[in-house]
Amino acid sequence: MSDIALIVLGSSVAAIIGIALGVMLPALAMGKAIGSALEALSRQPESEQSIMRTLFIGLAMIESLAIYCLVIILIVLFRNPLLEYVLK
């Protein structure tokens, strides 16, 4: 195999693993956050506004991690800096 083929293969495998983890782990974190918020709501229904506001801010932060992961993986796949180094 040539150097370019190895770099493309390695980048593709790393992207597959990265997107799998980048989607799976935030999904688990979101599920845990929603479960904890529902438990807190069942214990203290009078503080619903505060719990929901905090929950939505936390969910937005978790979702941004998944989006950052997607952006980095797309950069690795479509604008791979290692290919530019090998082609010089």
PDB file of N, CA and C in Angstrom:
ATOM      1  N   MET A   1       0.838  -1.187   0.000  1.00  0.00           N
ATOM      2  CA  MET A   1       0.000   0.000   0.000  1.00  0.00           C
ATOM      3  C   MET A   1       0.878   1.244   0.000  1.00  0.00           C
ATOM      4  N   SER A   2       0.399   2.245  -0.671  1.00  0.00           N
ATOM      5  CA  SER A   2       1.156   3.492  -0.706  1.00  0.00           C
ATOM      6  C   SER A   2       0.900   4.296   0.569  1.00  0.00           C
ATOM      7  N   ASP A   3       1.700   5.320   0.760  1.00  0.00           N
ATOM      8  CA  ASP A   3       1.557   6.162   1.947  1.00  0.00           C
ATOM      9  C   ASP A   3       0.208   6.859   1.988  1.00  0.00           C
ATOM     10  N   ILE A   4      -0.245   7.305   0.823  1.00  0.00           N
ATOM     11  CA  ILE A   4      -1.526   8.013   0.767  1.00  0.00           C
ATOM     12  C   ILE A   4      -2.673   7.071   1.136  1.00  0.00           C
ATOM     13  N   ALA A   5      -2.629   5.854   0.644  1.00  0.00           N
ATOM     14  CA  ALA A   5      -3.683   4.887   0.946  1.00  0.00           C
ATOM     15  C   ALA A   5      -3.721   4.569   2.438  1.00  0.00           C
ATOM     16  N   LEU A   6      -2.551   4.445   3.055  1.00  0.00           N
ATOM     17  CA  LEU A   6      -2.501   4.171   4.491  1.00  0.00           C
ATOM     18  C   LEU A   6      -3.052   5.345   5.299  1.00  0.00           C
ATOM     19  N   ILE A   7      -2.737   6.551   4.885  1.00  0.00           N
ATOM     20  CA  ILE A   7      -3.239   7.718   5.605  1.00  0.00           C
ATOM     21  C   ILE A   7      -4.744   7.841   5.451  1.00  0.00           C
ATOM     22  N   VAL A   8      -5.254   7.604   4.252  1.00  0.00           N
ATOM     23  CA  VAL A   8      -6.702   7.666   4.030  1.00  0.00           C
ATOM     24  C   VAL A   8      -7.407   6.572   4.823  1.00  0.00           C
ATOM     25  N   LEU A   9      -6.859   5.372   4.829  1.00  0.00           N
ATOM     26  CA  LEU A   9      -7.450   4.277   5.593  1.00  0.00           C
ATOM     27  C   LEU A   9      -7.435   4.578   7.083  1.00  0.00           C
ATOM     28  N   GLY A  10      -6.307   5.045   7.589  1.00  0.00           N
ATOM     29  CA  GLY A  10      -6.218   5.383   9.015  1.00  0.00           C
ATOM     30  C   GLY A  10      -7.153   6.513   9.393  1.00  0.00           C
ATOM     31  N   SER A  11      -7.257   7.515   8.531  1.00  0.00           N
ATOM     32  CA  SER A  11      -8.166   8.639   8.802  1.00  0.00           C
ATOM     33  C   SER A  11      -9.618   8.179   8.800  1.00  0.00           C
ATOM     34  N   SER A  12      -9.956   7.294   7.885  1.00  0.00           N
ATOM     35  CA  SER A  12     -11.331   6.797   7.819  1.00  0.00           C
ATOM     36  C   SER A  12     -11.690   5.974   9.056  1.00  0.00           C
ATOM     37  N   VAL A  13     -10.788   5.115   9.474  1.00  0.00           N
ATOM     38  CA  VAL A  13     -11.039   4.304  10.674  1.00  0.00           C
ATOM     39  C   VAL A  13     -11.141   5.198  11.905  1.00  0.00           C
ATOM     40  N   ALA A  14     -10.248   6.183  12.016  1.00  0.00           N
ATOM     41  CA  ALA A  14     -10.296   7.101  13.154  1.00  0.00           C
ATOM     42  C   ALA A  14     -11.589   7.913  13.138  1.00  0.00           C
ATOM     43  N   ALA A  15     -12.046   8.296  11.956  1.00  0.00           N
ATOM     44  CA  ALA A  15     -13.298   9.053  11.852  1.00  0.00           C
ATOM     45  C   ALA A  15     -14.495   8.201  12.260  1.00  0.00           C
ATOM     46  N   ILE A  16     -14.497   6.941  11.866  1.00  0.00           N
ATOM     47  CA  ILE A  16     -15.601   6.047  12.238  1.00  0.00           C
ATOM     48  C   ILE A  16     -15.649   5.858  13.743  1.00  0.00           C
ATOM     49  N   ILE A  17     -14.506   5.605  14.347  1.00  0.00           N
ATOM     50  CA  ILE A  17     -14.453   5.434  15.805  1.00  0.00           C
ATOM     51  C   ILE A  17     -14.814   6.735  16.503  1.00  0.00           C
ATOM     52  N   GLY A  18     -14.302   7.841  15.983  1.00  0.00           N
ATOM     53  CA  GLY A  18     -14.579   9.136  16.598  1.00  0.00           C
ATOM     54  C   GLY A  18     -16.043   9.516  16.543  1.00  0.00           C
ATOM     55  N   ILE A  19     -16.694   9.300  15.415  1.00  0.00           N
ATOM     56  CA  ILE A  19     -18.107   9.664  15.326  1.00  0.00           C
ATOM     57  C   ILE A  19     -18.964   8.714  16.158  1.00  0.00           C
ATOM     58  N   ALA A  20     -18.551   7.457  16.259  1.00  0.00           N
ATOM     59  CA  ALA A  20     -19.304   6.518  17.104  1.00  0.00           C
ATOM     60  C   ALA A  20     -19.249   6.957  18.562  1.00  0.00           C
ATOM     61  N   LEU A  21     -18.059   7.271  19.040  1.00  0.00           N
ATOM     62  CA  LEU A  21     -17.928   7.727  20.426  1.00  0.00           C
ATOM     63  C   LEU A  21     -18.502   9.127  20.605  1.00  0.00           C
ATOM     64  N   GLY A  22     -18.350   9.968  19.599  1.00  0.00           N
ATOM     65  CA  GLY A  22     -18.825  11.334  19.689  1.00  0.00           C
ATOM     66  C   GLY A  22     -20.335  11.454  19.687  1.00  0.00           C
ATOM     67  N   VAL A  23     -21.026  10.433  19.257  1.00  0.00           N
ATOM     68  CA  VAL A  23     -22.481  10.431  19.298  1.00  0.00           C
ATOM     69  C   VAL A  23     -22.989   9.625  20.493  1.00  0.00           C
ATOM     70  N   MET A  24     -22.309   8.520  20.781  1.00  0.00           N
ATOM     71  CA  MET A  24     -22.776   7.632  21.834  1.00  0.00           C
ATOM     72  C   MET A  24     -22.615   8.242  23.230  1.00  0.00           C
ATOM     73  N   LEU A  25     -21.467   8.809  23.517  1.00  0.00           N
ATOM     74  CA  LEU A  25     -21.224   9.314  24.865  1.00  0.00           C
ATOM     75  C   LEU A  25     -22.083  10.537  25.213  1.00  0.00           C
ATOM     76  N   PRO A  26     -22.237  11.520  24.319  1.00  0.00           N
ATOM     77  CA  PRO A  26     -23.173  12.595  24.657  1.00  0.00           C
ATOM     78  C   PRO A  26     -24.624  12.116  24.786  1.00  0.00           C
ATOM     79  N   ALA A  27     -25.008  11.107  24.018  1.00  0.00           N
ATOM     80  CA  ALA A  27     -26.369  10.575  24.146  1.00  0.00           C
ATOM     81  C   ALA A  27     -26.575   9.955  25.522  1.00  0.00           C
ATOM     82  N   LEU A  28     -25.582   9.223  25.999  1.00  0.00           N
ATOM     83  CA  LEU A  28     -25.675   8.656  27.346  1.00  0.00           C
ATOM     84  C   LEU A  28     -25.717   9.755  28.402  1.00  0.00           C
ATOM     85  N   ALA A  29     -24.915  10.791  28.216  1.00  0.00           N
ATOM     86  CA  ALA A  29     -24.910  11.904  29.167  1.00  0.00           C
ATOM     87  C   ALA A  29     -26.247  12.635  29.169  1.00  0.00           C
ATOM     88  N   MET A  30     -26.849  12.802  27.980  1.00  0.00           N
ATOM     89  CA  MET A  30     -28.158  13.452  27.914  1.00  0.00           C
ATOM     90  C   MET A  30     -29.229  12.617  28.622  1.00  0.00           C
ATOM     91  N   GLY A  31     -29.183  11.319  28.414  1.00  0.00           N
ATOM     92  CA  GLY A  31     -30.134  10.441  29.091  1.00  0.00           C
ATOM     93  C   GLY A  31     -29.998  10.511  30.599  1.00  0.00           C
ATOM     94  N   LYS A  32     -28.765  10.542  31.076  1.00  0.00           N
ATOM     95  CA  LYS A  32     -28.535  10.641  32.517  1.00  0.00           C
ATOM     96  C   LYS A  32     -29.011  11.990  33.051  1.00  0.00           C
ATOM     97  N   ALA A  33     -28.756  13.063  32.302  1.00  0.00           N
ATOM     98  CA  ALA A  33     -29.186  14.392  32.736  1.00  0.00           C
ATOM     99  C   ALA A  33     -30.711  14.494  32.780  1.00  0.00           C
ATOM    100  N   ILE A  34     -31.378  13.967  31.772  1.00  0.00           N
ATOM    101  CA  ILE A  34     -32.841  14.025  31.752  1.00  0.00           C
ATOM    102  C   ILE A  34     -33.423  13.171  32.875  1.00  0.00           C
ATOM    103  N   GLY A  35     -32.841  12.001  33.108  1.00  0.00           N
ATOM    104  CA  GLY A  35     -33.309  11.155  34.203  1.00  0.00           C
ATOM    105  C   GLY A  35     -33.145  11.830  35.556  1.00  0.00           C
ATOM    106  N   SER A  36     -32.006  12.486  35.757  1.00  0.00           N
ATOM    107  CA  SER A  36     -31.782  13.193  37.018  1.00  0.00           C
ATOM    108  C   SER A  36     -32.738  14.373  37.171  1.00  0.00           C
ATOM    109  N   ALA A  37     -33.017  15.068  36.064  1.00  0.00           N
ATOM    110  CA  ALA A  37     -33.948  16.196  36.135  1.00  0.00           C
ATOM    111  C   ALA A  37     -35.364  15.720  36.458  1.00  0.00           C
ATOM    112  N   LEU A  38     -35.772  14.610  35.870  1.00  0.00           N
ATOM    113  CA  LEU A  38     -37.103  14.080  36.174  1.00  0.00           C
ATOM    114  C   LEU A  38     -37.204  13.638  37.631  1.00  0.00           C
ATOM    115  N   GLU A  39     -36.124  13.058  38.137  1.00  0.00           N
ATOM    116  CA  GLU A  39     -36.106  12.671  39.548  1.00  0.00           C
ATOM    117  C   GLU A  39     -36.184  13.897  40.452  1.00  0.00           C
ATOM    118  N   ALA A  40     -35.454  14.952  40.095  1.00  0.00           N
ATOM    119  CA  ALA A  40     -35.497  16.182  40.886  1.00  0.00           C
ATOM    120  C   ALA A  40     -36.879  16.831  40.811  1.00  0.00           C
ATOM    121  N   LEU A  41     -37.511  16.777  39.647  1.00  0.00           N
ATOM    122  CA  LEU A  41     -38.863  17.330  39.505  1.00  0.00           C
ATOM    123  C   LEU A  41     -39.881  16.556  40.340  1.00  0.00           C
ATOM    124  N   SER A  42     -39.698  15.246  40.426  1.00  0.00           N
ATOM    125  CA  SER A  42     -40.643  14.460  41.220  1.00  0.00           C
ATOM    126  C   SER A  42     -40.466  14.719  42.711  1.00  0.00           C
ATOM    127  N   ARG A  43     -39.258  15.093  43.113  1.00  0.00           N
ATOM    128  CA  ARG A  43     -39.022  15.381  44.536  1.00  0.00           C
ATOM    129  C   ARG A  43     -39.430  16.803  44.908  1.00  0.00           C
ATOM    130  N   GLN A  44     -39.176  17.754  44.007  1.00  0.00           N
ATOM    131  CA  GLN A  44     -39.482  19.156  44.289  1.00  0.00           C
ATOM    132  C   GLN A  44     -40.198  19.790  43.098  1.00  0.00           C
ATOM    133  N   PRO A  45     -41.477  19.538  42.956  1.00  0.00           N
ATOM    134  CA  PRO A  45     -42.189  20.083  41.794  1.00  0.00           C
ATOM    135  C   PRO A  45     -42.298  21.610  41.811  1.00  0.00           C
ATOM    136  N   GLU A  46     -42.166  22.224  42.970  1.00  0.00           N
ATOM    137  CA  GLU A  46     -42.290  23.682  43.043  1.00  0.00           C
ATOM    138  C   GLU A  46     -41.092  24.406  42.431  1.00  0.00           C
ATOM    139  N   SER A  47     -39.960  23.726  42.268  1.00  0.00           N
ATOM    140  CA  SER A  47     -38.774  24.363  41.665  1.00  0.00           C
ATOM    141  C   SER A  47     -38.605  23.949  40.202  1.00  0.00           C
ATOM    142  N   GLU A  48     -39.720  23.788  39.517  1.00  0.00           N
ATOM    143  CA  GLU A  48     -39.700  23.315  38.134  1.00  0.00           C
ATOM    144  C   GLU A  48     -38.948  24.273  37.205  1.00  0.00           C
ATOM    145  N   GLN A  49     -39.182  25.571  37.336  1.00  0.00           N
ATOM    146  CA  GLN A  49     -38.554  26.537  36.440  1.00  0.00           C
ATOM    147  C   GLN A  49     -37.028  26.491  36.543  1.00  0.00           C
ATOM    148  N   SER A  50     -36.522  26.438  37.736  1.00  0.00           N
ATOM    149  CA  SER A  50     -35.073  26.413  37.944  1.00  0.00           C
ATOM    150  C   SER A  50     -34.454  25.127  37.405  1.00  0.00           C
ATOM    151  N   ILE A  51     -35.106  24.015  37.669  1.00  0.00           N
ATOM    152  CA  ILE A  51     -34.586  22.724  37.205  1.00  0.00           C
ATOM    153  C   ILE A  51     -34.611  22.651  35.684  1.00  0.00           C
ATOM    154  N   MET A  52     -35.687  23.084  35.076  1.00  0.00           N
ATOM    155  CA  MET A  52     -35.793  23.015  33.616  1.00  0.00           C
ATOM    156  C   MET A  52     -34.797  23.943  32.940  1.00  0.00           C
ATOM    157  N   ARG A  53     -34.608  25.141  33.497  1.00  0.00           N
ATOM    158  CA  ARG A  53     -33.639  26.075  32.917  1.00  0.00           C
ATOM    159  C   ARG A  53     -32.234  25.484  32.973  1.00  0.00           C
ATOM    160  N   THR A  54     -31.870  24.932  34.118  1.00  0.00           N
ATOM    161  CA  THR A  54     -30.553  24.308  34.262  1.00  0.00           C
ATOM    162  C   THR A  54     -30.412  23.096  33.355  1.00  0.00           C
ATOM    163  N   LEU A  55     -31.485  22.321  33.215  1.00  0.00           N
ATOM    164  CA  LEU A  55     -31.455  21.144  32.340  1.00  0.00           C
ATOM    165  C   LEU A  55     -31.210  21.547  30.896  1.00  0.00           C
ATOM    166  N   PHE A  56     -31.916  22.566  30.412  1.00  0.00           N
ATOM    167  CA  PHE A  56     -31.753  22.959  29.013  1.00  0.00           C
ATOM    168  C   PHE A  56     -30.377  23.545  28.737  1.00  0.00           C
ATOM    169  N   ILE A  57     -29.813  24.274  29.686  1.00  0.00           N
ATOM    170  CA  ILE A  57     -28.449  24.783  29.508  1.00  0.00           C
ATOM    171  C   ILE A  57     -27.458  23.624  29.461  1.00  0.00           C
ATOM    172  N   GLY A  58     -27.637  22.656  30.347  1.00  0.00           N
ATOM    173  CA  GLY A  58     -26.759  21.483  30.347  1.00  0.00           C
ATOM    174  C   GLY A  58     -26.880  20.665  29.075  1.00  0.00           C
ATOM    175  N   LEU A  59     -28.103  20.486  28.583  1.00  0.00           N
ATOM    176  CA  LEU A  59     -28.298  19.735  27.342  1.00  0.00           C
ATOM    177  C   LEU A  59     -27.671  20.453  26.152  1.00  0.00           C
ATOM    178  N   ALA A  60     -27.743  21.772  26.152  1.00  0.00           N
ATOM    179  CA  ALA A  60     -27.108  22.529  25.070  1.00  0.00           C
ATOM    180  C   ALA A  60     -25.588  22.356  25.106  1.00  0.00           C
ATOM    181  N   MET A  61     -25.015  22.347  26.293  1.00  0.00           N
ATOM    182  CA  MET A  61     -23.561  22.142  26.409  1.00  0.00           C
ATOM    183  C   MET A  61     -23.166  20.742  25.952  1.00  0.00           C
ATOM    184  N   ILE A  62     -23.941  19.744  26.323  1.00  0.00           N
ATOM    185  CA  ILE A  62     -23.646  18.372  25.906  1.00  0.00           C
ATOM    186  C   ILE A  62     -23.767  18.242  24.393  1.00  0.00           C
ATOM    187  N   GLU A  63     -24.791  18.840  23.818  1.00  0.00           N
ATOM    188  CA  GLU A  63     -24.998  18.759  22.375  1.00  0.00           C
ATOM    189  C   GLU A  63     -23.874  19.466  21.617  1.00  0.00           C
ATOM    190  N   SER A  64     -23.358  20.558  22.191  1.00  0.00           N
ATOM    191  CA  SER A  64     -22.264  21.265  21.519  1.00  0.00           C
ATOM    192  C   SER A  64     -21.012  20.388  21.443  1.00  0.00           C
ATOM    193  N   LEU A  65     -20.795  19.532  22.426  1.00  0.00           N
ATOM    194  CA  LEU A  65     -19.653  18.612  22.364  1.00  0.00           C
ATOM    195  C   LEU A  65     -19.788  17.648  21.184  1.00  0.00           C
ATOM    196  N   ALA A  66     -20.986  17.150  20.953  1.00  0.00           N
ATOM    197  CA  ALA A  66     -21.213  16.253  19.811  1.00  0.00           C
ATOM    198  C   ALA A  66     -21.005  16.990  18.484  1.00  0.00           C
ATOM    199  N   ILE A  67     -21.419  18.246  18.425  1.00  0.00           N
ATOM    200  CA  ILE A  67     -21.249  19.024  17.193  1.00  0.00           C
ATOM    201  C   ILE A  67     -19.772  19.313  16.946  1.00  0.00           C
ATOM    202  N   TYR A  68     -19.019  19.651  18.002  1.00  0.00           N
ATOM    203  CA  TYR A  68     -17.573  19.873  17.852  1.00  0.00           C
ATOM    204  C   TYR A  68     -16.886  18.613  17.347  1.00  0.00           C
ATOM    205  N   CYS A  69     -17.299  17.465  17.862  1.00  0.00           N
ATOM    206  CA  CYS A  69     -16.732  16.195  17.417  1.00  0.00           C
ATOM    207  C   CYS A  69     -17.013  15.983  15.935  1.00  0.00           C
ATOM    208  N   LEU A  70     -18.222  16.261  15.500  1.00  0.00           N
ATOM    209  CA  LEU A  70     -18.571  16.118  14.092  1.00  0.00           C
ATOM    210  C   LEU A  70     -17.736  17.045  13.214  1.00  0.00           C
ATOM    211  N   VAL A  71     -17.543  18.278  13.636  1.00  0.00           N
ATOM    212  CA  VAL A  71     -16.765  19.235  12.850  1.00  0.00           C
ATOM    213  C   VAL A  71     -15.314  18.773  12.705  1.00  0.00           C
ATOM    214  N   ILE A  72     -14.720  18.311  13.781  1.00  0.00           N
ATOM    215  CA  ILE A  72     -13.336  17.846  13.720  1.00  0.00           C
ATOM    216  C   ILE A  72     -13.208  16.627  12.816  1.00  0.00           C
ATOM    217  N   ILE A  73     -14.170  15.724  12.889  1.00  0.00           N
ATOM    218  CA  ILE A  73     -14.122  14.530  12.041  1.00  0.00           C
ATOM    219  C   ILE A  73     -14.293  14.897  10.571  1.00  0.00           C
ATOM    220  N   LEU A  74     -15.161  15.861  10.276  1.00  0.00           N
ATOM    221  CA  LEU A  74     -15.308  16.292   8.887  1.00  0.00           C
ATOM    222  C   LEU A  74     -14.036  16.961   8.373  1.00  0.00           C
ATOM    223  N   ILE A  75     -13.346  17.683   9.232  1.00  0.00           N
ATOM    224  CA  ILE A  75     -12.069  18.278   8.834  1.00  0.00           C
ATOM    225  C   ILE A  75     -11.055  17.185   8.529  1.00  0.00           C
ATOM    226  N   VAL A  76     -11.001  16.167   9.374  1.00  0.00           N
ATOM    227  CA  VAL A  76     -10.045  15.068   9.157  1.00  0.00           C
ATOM    228  C   VAL A  76     -10.361  14.330   7.858  1.00  0.00           C
ATOM    229  N   LEU A  77     -11.633  14.146   7.551  1.00  0.00           N
ATOM    230  CA  LEU A  77     -11.993  13.397   6.351  1.00  0.00           C
ATOM    231  C   LEU A  77     -11.803  14.197   5.063  1.00  0.00           C
ATOM    232  N   PHE A  78     -12.194  15.461   5.070  1.00  0.00           N
ATOM    233  CA  PHE A  78     -12.225  16.202   3.817  1.00  0.00           C
ATOM    234  C   PHE A  78     -11.079  17.187   3.633  1.00  0.00           C
ATOM    235  N   ARG A  79     -10.395  17.558   4.693  1.00  0.00           N
ATOM    236  CA  ARG A  79      -9.262  18.482   4.581  1.00  0.00           C
ATOM    237  C   ARG A  79      -8.138  17.949   5.468  1.00  0.00           C
ATOM    238  N   ASN A  80      -7.710  16.750   5.152  1.00  0.00           N
ATOM    239  CA  ASN A  80      -6.728  16.059   5.971  1.00  0.00           C
ATOM    240  C   ASN A  80      -5.341  16.713   5.806  1.00  0.00           C
ATOM    241  N   PRO A  81      -4.801  17.274   6.876  1.00  0.00           N
ATOM    242  CA  PRO A  81      -3.494  17.920   6.769  1.00  0.00           C
ATOM    243  C   PRO A  81      -2.349  16.929   6.507  1.00  0.00           C
ATOM    244  N   LEU A  82      -2.540  15.675   6.861  1.00  0.00           N
ATOM    245  CA  LEU A  82      -1.486  14.686   6.619  1.00  0.00           C
ATOM    246  C   LEU A  82      -1.321  14.399   5.145  1.00  0.00           C
ATOM    247  N   LEU A  83      -2.396  14.468   4.372  1.00  0.00           N
ATOM    248  CA  LEU A  83      -2.277  14.247   2.928  1.00  0.00           C
ATOM    249  C   LEU A  83      -1.467  15.339   2.264  1.00  0.00           C
ATOM    250  N   GLU A  84      -1.607  16.560   2.720  1.00  0.00           N
ATOM    251  CA  GLU A  84      -0.809  17.656   2.153  1.00  0.00           C
ATOM    252  C   GLU A  84       0.669  17.451   2.446  1.00  0.00           C
ATOM    253  N   TYR A  85       0.978  16.909   3.615  1.00  0.00           N
ATOM    254  CA  TYR A  85       2.363  16.659   3.986  1.00  0.00           C
ATOM    255  C   TYR A  85       2.974  15.555   3.116  1.00  0.00           C
ATOM    256  N   VAL A  86       2.213  14.509   2.830  1.00  0.00           N
ATOM    257  CA  VAL A  86       2.732  13.387   2.023  1.00  0.00           C
ATOM    258  C   VAL A  86       2.877  13.795   0.567  1.00  0.00           C
ATOM    259  N   LEU A  87       1.970  14.625   0.065  1.00  0.00           N
ATOM    260  CA  LEU A  87       2.000  14.983  -1.356  1.00  0.00           C
ATOM    261  C   LEU A  87       3.104  15.972  -1.701  1.00  0.00           C
ATOM    262  N   LYS A  88       3.705  16.613  -0.709  1.00  0.00           N
ATOM    263  CA  LYS A  88       4.790  17.573  -1.004  1.00  0.00           C
ATOM    264  C   LYS A  88       6.077  16.900  -1.401  1.00  0.00           C
TER     265      LYS A  88
END
